[in-house]
Amino acid sequence: QVQLVESGGGVVQAGGSLRLSCAASGRTFSAYSMGWFRQAPGKERDFVAAISWGGSRTRYADSVKGRFTISRDNARNTVYLQMNSLQAAVPGVYSCAARYGATNWVPSSPMEFEYWGQGPQVTVSS
């Protein structure tokens, strides 16, 4: 099992940047594919980005391509989400997620992930 704790949320103006971190503890972090999801109030979780266990493969939602970057540091048991050129939107909770299995397949559906963090809220004001 793995425990996930996110940090780095907050309020930012449209066009600004924010960096989220997700620290993992428990089983070997490098054995997990990691992902980020966003959930607005009353809505389902939306896929944002994911990264393979070794970091060689990434996947992004079309809406964030070119603006967001997912990365990981297996020595620090941490995955990051760098968000640039943020667009004004209703506040959303960004959660990181983990799926056990050291493959190069990059999952993107919430159902494909096994473990979840609580997620910090991100508010982008216009």
N, C-alpha and C. Protein backbone atom coordinates (compact mmCIF):
# COMPACT_ATOMS: atom_id res chain seq x y z
N GLN A 1 0.84 -1.19 0.00
CA GLN A 1 0.00 0.00 0.00
C GLN A 1 0.88 1.24 0.00
N VAL A 2 0.33 2.36 -0.50
CA VAL A 2 1.08 3.60 -0.53
C VAL A 2 0.18 4.72 -0.04
N GLN A 3 0.76 5.65 0.70
CA GLN A 3 0.03 6.82 1.16
C GLN A 3 0.51 8.04 0.38
N LEU A 4 -0.42 8.89 0.00
CA LEU A 4 -0.11 10.04 -0.84
C LEU A 4 -0.54 11.32 -0.15
N VAL A 5 0.37 12.30 -0.11
CA VAL A 5 0.07 13.59 0.50
C VAL A 5 0.49 14.69 -0.46
N GLU A 6 -0.50 15.48 -0.90
CA GLU A 6 -0.23 16.55 -1.84
C GLU A 6 0.02 17.87 -1.11
N SER A 7 0.70 18.77 -1.83
CA SER A 7 0.92 20.13 -1.33
C SER A 7 1.08 21.06 -2.51
N GLY A 8 0.95 22.35 -2.23
CA GLY A 8 1.21 23.34 -3.26
C GLY A 8 -0.02 24.02 -3.84
N GLY A 9 -1.20 23.68 -3.36
CA GLY A 9 -2.40 24.33 -3.88
C GLY A 9 -2.52 25.76 -3.39
N GLY A 10 -3.55 26.45 -3.85
CA GLY A 10 -3.77 27.81 -3.41
C GLY A 10 -4.53 28.61 -4.44
N VAL A 11 -4.40 29.93 -4.34
CA VAL A 11 -5.09 30.84 -5.24
C VAL A 11 -4.07 31.52 -6.14
N VAL A 12 -4.35 31.56 -7.41
CA VAL A 12 -3.45 32.17 -8.38
C VAL A 12 -4.29 32.90 -9.42
N GLN A 13 -3.74 33.95 -9.98
CA GLN A 13 -4.45 34.68 -11.03
C GLN A 13 -4.33 33.96 -12.37
N ALA A 14 -5.30 34.17 -13.21
CA ALA A 14 -5.26 33.59 -14.54
C ALA A 14 -3.97 34.02 -15.25
N GLY A 15 -3.36 33.07 -15.92
CA GLY A 15 -2.09 33.33 -16.56
C GLY A 15 -0.89 33.00 -15.70
N GLY A 16 -1.13 32.77 -14.43
CA GLY A 16 -0.03 32.47 -13.51
C GLY A 16 0.33 31.00 -13.49
N SER A 17 1.22 30.67 -12.57
CA SER A 17 1.74 29.30 -12.47
C SER A 17 1.62 28.79 -11.04
N LEU A 18 1.58 27.49 -10.95
CA LEU A 18 1.52 26.83 -9.65
C LEU A 18 2.18 25.47 -9.80
N ARG A 19 2.85 25.03 -8.75
CA ARG A 19 3.48 23.72 -8.78
C ARG A 19 2.93 22.87 -7.64
N LEU A 20 2.37 21.74 -7.99
CA LEU A 20 1.86 20.79 -7.00
C LEU A 20 2.87 19.68 -6.78
N SER A 21 2.95 19.21 -5.54
CA SER A 21 3.81 18.08 -5.20
C SER A 21 2.96 16.99 -4.55
N CYS A 22 3.38 15.77 -4.74
CA CYS A 22 2.71 14.64 -4.11
C CYS A 22 3.79 13.72 -3.56
N ALA A 23 3.85 13.63 -2.24
CA ALA A 23 4.84 12.79 -1.58
C ALA A 23 4.22 11.44 -1.24
N ALA A 24 4.93 10.38 -1.55
CA ALA A 24 4.43 9.04 -1.32
C ALA A 24 5.23 8.34 -0.23
N SER A 25 4.56 7.53 0.52
CA SER A 25 5.23 6.71 1.53
C SER A 25 4.58 5.33 1.51
N GLY A 26 5.33 4.36 1.97
CA GLY A 26 4.81 3.00 1.97
C GLY A 26 5.66 2.12 1.09
N ARG A 27 5.04 1.47 0.14
CA ARG A 27 5.77 0.57 -0.75
C ARG A 27 6.66 1.33 -1.71
N THR A 28 7.47 0.63 -2.45
CA THR A 28 8.46 1.23 -3.34
C THR A 28 7.81 2.16 -4.35
N PHE A 29 8.10 3.44 -4.23
CA PHE A 29 7.47 4.45 -5.06
C PHE A 29 7.73 4.20 -6.55
N SER A 30 8.92 3.75 -6.87
CA SER A 30 9.28 3.58 -8.27
C SER A 30 8.51 2.47 -8.96
N ALA A 31 7.75 1.70 -8.20
CA ALA A 31 6.95 0.62 -8.78
C ALA A 31 5.57 1.09 -9.19
N TYR A 32 5.28 2.38 -9.03
CA TYR A 32 3.95 2.91 -9.30
C TYR A 32 3.94 3.87 -10.47
N SER A 33 2.92 3.73 -11.31
CA SER A 33 2.57 4.81 -12.23
C SER A 33 1.80 5.84 -11.42
N MET A 34 1.98 7.12 -11.76
CA MET A 34 1.36 8.19 -10.98
C MET A 34 0.54 9.08 -11.90
N GLY A 35 -0.51 9.66 -11.33
CA GLY A 35 -1.35 10.54 -12.12
C GLY A 35 -1.88 11.69 -11.30
N TRP A 36 -2.38 12.71 -11.99
CA TRP A 36 -3.05 13.85 -11.37
C TRP A 36 -4.45 13.98 -11.99
N PHE A 37 -5.41 14.26 -11.12
CA PHE A 37 -6.79 14.46 -11.54
C PHE A 37 -7.32 15.73 -10.90
N ARG A 38 -8.31 16.32 -11.56
CA ARG A 38 -8.95 17.51 -11.03
C ARG A 38 -10.44 17.23 -10.88
N GLN A 39 -10.99 17.68 -9.75
CA GLN A 39 -12.42 17.51 -9.52
C GLN A 39 -13.03 18.81 -9.04
N ALA A 40 -13.98 19.32 -9.81
CA ALA A 40 -14.73 20.51 -9.43
C ALA A 40 -15.94 20.08 -8.60
N PRO A 41 -16.50 20.99 -7.80
CA PRO A 41 -17.65 20.63 -6.96
C PRO A 41 -18.80 20.05 -7.77
N GLY A 42 -19.31 18.91 -7.35
CA GLY A 42 -20.43 18.30 -8.02
C GLY A 42 -20.10 17.63 -9.34
N LYS A 43 -18.83 17.56 -9.68
CA LYS A 43 -18.41 16.97 -10.96
C LYS A 43 -17.58 15.71 -10.72
N GLU A 44 -17.41 14.94 -11.78
CA GLU A 44 -16.55 13.77 -11.70
C GLU A 44 -15.08 14.21 -11.81
N ARG A 45 -14.22 13.28 -11.44
CA ARG A 45 -12.79 13.54 -11.58
C ARG A 45 -12.40 13.57 -13.04
N ASP A 46 -11.62 14.58 -13.41
CA ASP A 46 -11.12 14.69 -14.77
C ASP A 46 -9.62 14.40 -14.78
N PHE A 47 -9.21 13.63 -15.75
CA PHE A 47 -7.80 13.32 -15.92
C PHE A 47 -7.03 14.58 -16.32
N VAL A 48 -5.86 14.76 -15.71
CA VAL A 48 -5.00 15.89 -16.05
C VAL A 48 -3.70 15.40 -16.70
N ALA A 49 -2.98 14.54 -15.98
CA ALA A 49 -1.69 14.05 -16.49
C ALA A 49 -1.29 12.79 -15.74
N ALA A 50 -0.43 11.99 -16.37
CA ALA A 50 0.09 10.78 -15.73
C ALA A 50 1.49 10.50 -16.23
N ILE A 51 2.21 9.69 -15.45
CA ILE A 51 3.60 9.40 -15.78
C ILE A 51 3.90 7.95 -15.42
N SER A 52 4.71 7.31 -16.24
CA SER A 52 5.05 5.91 -15.99
C SER A 52 6.01 5.79 -14.81
N TRP A 53 6.24 4.57 -14.38
CA TRP A 53 7.02 4.34 -13.16
C TRP A 53 8.42 4.93 -13.23
N GLY A 54 9.05 4.87 -14.39
CA GLY A 54 10.41 5.37 -14.53
C GLY A 54 10.47 6.80 -15.03
N GLY A 55 9.32 7.33 -15.42
CA GLY A 55 9.28 8.71 -15.90
C GLY A 55 9.50 8.87 -17.40
N SER A 56 9.67 7.76 -18.12
CA SER A 56 9.99 7.88 -19.54
C SER A 56 8.76 8.19 -20.39
N ARG A 57 7.59 7.88 -19.87
CA ARG A 57 6.36 8.11 -20.64
C ARG A 57 5.40 8.98 -19.84
N THR A 58 4.79 9.93 -20.54
CA THR A 58 3.80 10.79 -19.92
C THR A 58 2.56 10.87 -20.82
N ARG A 59 1.47 11.28 -20.20
CA ARG A 59 0.22 11.46 -20.94
C ARG A 59 -0.48 12.67 -20.35
N TYR A 60 -1.12 13.46 -21.22
CA TYR A 60 -1.79 14.68 -20.77
C TYR A 60 -3.19 14.77 -21.37
N ALA A 61 -4.06 15.41 -20.62
CA ALA A 61 -5.36 15.78 -21.18
C ALA A 61 -5.12 16.83 -22.25
N ASP A 62 -5.93 16.82 -23.30
CA ASP A 62 -5.76 17.78 -24.40
C ASP A 62 -5.81 19.22 -23.89
N SER A 63 -6.62 19.45 -22.86
CA SER A 63 -6.82 20.82 -22.37
C SER A 63 -5.59 21.40 -21.69
N VAL A 64 -4.63 20.55 -21.30
CA VAL A 64 -3.46 21.07 -20.59
C VAL A 64 -2.15 20.87 -21.35
N LYS A 65 -2.21 20.22 -22.49
CA LYS A 65 -0.99 20.00 -23.26
C LYS A 65 -0.30 21.31 -23.59
N GLY A 66 1.00 21.33 -23.38
CA GLY A 66 1.77 22.53 -23.66
C GLY A 66 1.81 23.51 -22.50
N ARG A 67 0.95 23.31 -21.49
CA ARG A 67 0.91 24.23 -20.36
C ARG A 67 1.32 23.54 -19.06
N PHE A 68 0.98 22.25 -18.90
CA PHE A 68 1.28 21.50 -17.69
C PHE A 68 2.40 20.50 -17.96
N THR A 69 3.19 20.23 -16.93
CA THR A 69 4.25 19.22 -17.03
C THR A 69 4.23 18.35 -15.78
N ILE A 70 4.14 17.06 -16.00
CA ILE A 70 4.24 16.11 -14.89
C ILE A 70 5.65 15.54 -14.87
N SER A 71 6.19 15.37 -13.68
CA SER A 71 7.53 14.80 -13.53
C SER A 71 7.59 14.06 -12.20
N ARG A 72 8.63 13.28 -12.03
CA ARG A 72 8.76 12.54 -10.78
C ARG A 72 10.23 12.43 -10.39
N ASP A 73 10.46 12.32 -9.10
CA ASP A 73 11.79 12.11 -8.55
C ASP A 73 11.69 10.88 -7.65
N ASN A 74 12.09 9.75 -8.19
CA ASN A 74 11.94 8.50 -7.44
C ASN A 74 12.84 8.46 -6.21
N ALA A 75 13.93 9.21 -6.22
CA ALA A 75 14.81 9.25 -5.04
C ALA A 75 14.13 9.99 -3.88
N ARG A 76 13.22 10.88 -4.21
CA ARG A 76 12.49 11.66 -3.20
C ARG A 76 11.06 11.18 -3.01
N ASN A 77 10.70 10.11 -3.72
CA ASN A 77 9.33 9.57 -3.62
C ASN A 77 8.28 10.64 -3.87
N THR A 78 8.50 11.45 -4.88
CA THR A 78 7.62 12.59 -5.12
C THR A 78 7.31 12.73 -6.61
N VAL A 79 6.06 13.07 -6.89
CA VAL A 79 5.64 13.41 -8.24
C VAL A 79 5.18 14.86 -8.23
N TYR A 80 5.43 15.57 -9.32
CA TYR A 80 5.13 16.99 -9.41
C TYR A 80 4.18 17.27 -10.58
N LEU A 81 3.47 18.36 -10.45
CA LEU A 81 2.67 18.87 -11.56
C LEU A 81 2.93 20.37 -11.66
N GLN A 82 3.67 20.76 -12.68
CA GLN A 82 3.93 22.17 -12.94
C GLN A 82 2.82 22.70 -13.84
N MET A 83 2.09 23.70 -13.37
CA MET A 83 0.96 24.23 -14.12
C MET A 83 1.26 25.67 -14.51
N ASN A 84 1.37 25.92 -15.80
CA ASN A 84 1.63 27.27 -16.32
C ASN A 84 0.43 27.75 -17.11
N SER A 85 0.37 29.06 -17.30
CA SER A 85 -0.71 29.67 -18.08
C SER A 85 -2.07 29.16 -17.60
N LEU A 86 -2.27 29.22 -16.30
CA LEU A 86 -3.52 28.72 -15.74
C LEU A 86 -4.70 29.57 -16.22
N GLN A 87 -5.81 28.89 -16.45
CA GLN A 87 -7.00 29.55 -16.96
C GLN A 87 -8.04 29.67 -15.85
N ALA A 88 -8.76 30.78 -15.86
CA ALA A 88 -9.79 30.99 -14.84
C ALA A 88 -10.83 29.88 -14.92
N ALA A 89 -11.21 29.35 -13.76
CA ALA A 89 -12.18 28.26 -13.71
C ALA A 89 -12.73 28.19 -12.29
N VAL A 90 -13.78 27.42 -12.12
CA VAL A 90 -14.28 27.19 -10.77
C VAL A 90 -13.21 26.46 -9.98
N PRO A 91 -13.14 26.65 -8.69
CA PRO A 91 -12.13 25.97 -7.89
C PRO A 91 -12.23 24.46 -8.05
N GLY A 92 -11.09 23.81 -8.05
CA GLY A 92 -11.07 22.36 -8.18
C GLY A 92 -10.03 21.76 -7.25
N VAL A 93 -10.28 20.54 -6.88
CA VAL A 93 -9.33 19.80 -6.04
C VAL A 93 -8.46 18.94 -6.95
N TYR A 94 -7.17 19.10 -6.80
CA TYR A 94 -6.22 18.31 -7.58
C TYR A 94 -5.71 17.17 -6.71
N SER A 95 -5.98 15.96 -7.13
CA SER A 95 -5.55 14.78 -6.38
C SER A 95 -4.52 14.01 -7.17
N CYS A 96 -3.52 13.49 -6.46
CA CYS A 96 -2.61 12.58 -7.14
C CYS A 96 -3.07 11.15 -6.86
N ALA A 97 -2.70 10.27 -7.75
CA ALA A 97 -3.14 8.88 -7.67
C ALA A 97 -2.00 7.96 -8.07
N ALA A 98 -2.06 6.73 -7.59
CA ALA A 98 -1.00 5.76 -7.86
C ALA A 98 -1.58 4.43 -8.30
N ARG A 99 -0.87 3.79 -9.22
CA ARG A 99 -1.25 2.45 -9.66
C ARG A 99 0.00 1.59 -9.60
N TYR A 100 -0.09 0.48 -8.92
CA TYR A 100 1.06 -0.40 -8.76
C TYR A 100 1.32 -1.15 -10.06
N GLY A 101 2.60 -1.24 -10.41
CA GLY A 101 2.96 -1.99 -11.62
C GLY A 101 4.01 -1.25 -12.42
N ALA A 102 5.19 -1.82 -12.52
CA ALA A 102 6.31 -1.16 -13.22
C ALA A 102 6.26 -1.50 -14.70
N THR A 103 5.34 -0.84 -15.41
CA THR A 103 5.27 -1.00 -16.86
C THR A 103 5.34 0.38 -17.49
N ASN A 104 5.46 0.43 -18.80
CA ASN A 104 5.49 1.71 -19.49
C ASN A 104 4.11 2.15 -19.96
N TRP A 105 3.12 1.39 -19.60
CA TRP A 105 1.74 1.80 -19.90
C TRP A 105 1.37 2.93 -18.95
N VAL A 106 0.75 3.96 -19.46
CA VAL A 106 0.39 5.11 -18.65
C VAL A 106 -1.13 5.17 -18.53
N PRO A 107 -1.68 4.86 -17.37
CA PRO A 107 -3.14 4.90 -17.20
C PRO A 107 -3.65 6.34 -17.20
N SER A 108 -4.95 6.49 -17.53
CA SER A 108 -5.52 7.83 -17.56
C SER A 108 -6.94 7.89 -17.02
N SER A 109 -7.51 6.75 -16.68
CA SER A 109 -8.87 6.74 -16.13
C SER A 109 -8.79 6.62 -14.61
N PRO A 110 -9.70 7.30 -13.89
CA PRO A 110 -9.69 7.16 -12.43
C PRO A 110 -9.81 5.70 -11.99
N MET A 111 -10.54 4.90 -12.76
CA MET A 111 -10.75 3.50 -12.39
C MET A 111 -9.47 2.69 -12.48
N GLU A 112 -8.48 3.21 -13.17
CA GLU A 112 -7.22 2.47 -13.36
C GLU A 112 -6.23 2.73 -12.23
N PHE A 113 -6.55 3.61 -11.33
CA PHE A 113 -5.66 3.92 -10.21
C PHE A 113 -6.21 3.34 -8.92
N GLU A 114 -5.30 2.94 -8.05
CA GLU A 114 -5.68 2.21 -6.84
C GLU A 114 -5.65 3.08 -5.59
N TYR A 115 -4.75 4.04 -5.52
CA TYR A 115 -4.56 4.82 -4.31
C TYR A 115 -4.69 6.31 -4.63
N TRP A 116 -5.24 7.04 -3.66
CA TRP A 116 -5.53 8.46 -3.90
C TRP A 116 -5.12 9.30 -2.71
N GLY A 117 -4.69 10.53 -3.00
CA GLY A 117 -4.47 11.51 -1.96
C GLY A 117 -5.73 12.36 -1.80
N GLN A 118 -5.71 13.21 -0.76
CA GLN A 118 -6.87 14.07 -0.49
C GLN A 118 -6.95 15.22 -1.46
N GLY A 119 -5.81 15.75 -1.85
CA GLY A 119 -5.79 16.80 -2.85
C GLY A 119 -5.93 18.20 -2.31
N PRO A 120 -5.07 19.15 -2.74
CA PRO A 120 -5.25 20.55 -2.39
C PRO A 120 -6.20 21.22 -3.38
N GLN A 121 -6.84 22.27 -2.93
CA GLN A 121 -7.72 23.03 -3.83
C GLN A 121 -6.90 24.06 -4.58
N VAL A 122 -7.23 24.23 -5.82
CA VAL A 122 -6.59 25.24 -6.67
C VAL A 122 -7.69 26.16 -7.18
N THR A 123 -7.50 27.45 -6.94
CA THR A 123 -8.45 28.45 -7.42
C THR A 123 -7.71 29.40 -8.35
N VAL A 124 -8.22 29.53 -9.56
CA VAL A 124 -7.64 30.43 -10.54
C VAL A 124 -8.61 31.58 -10.74
N SER A 125 -8.22 32.76 -10.32
CA SER A 125 -9.11 33.92 -10.40
C SER A 125 -8.85 34.69 -11.69
N SER A 126 -9.91 35.29 -12.19
CA SER A 126 -9.79 36.06 -13.44
C SER A 126 -9.36 37.49 -13.16
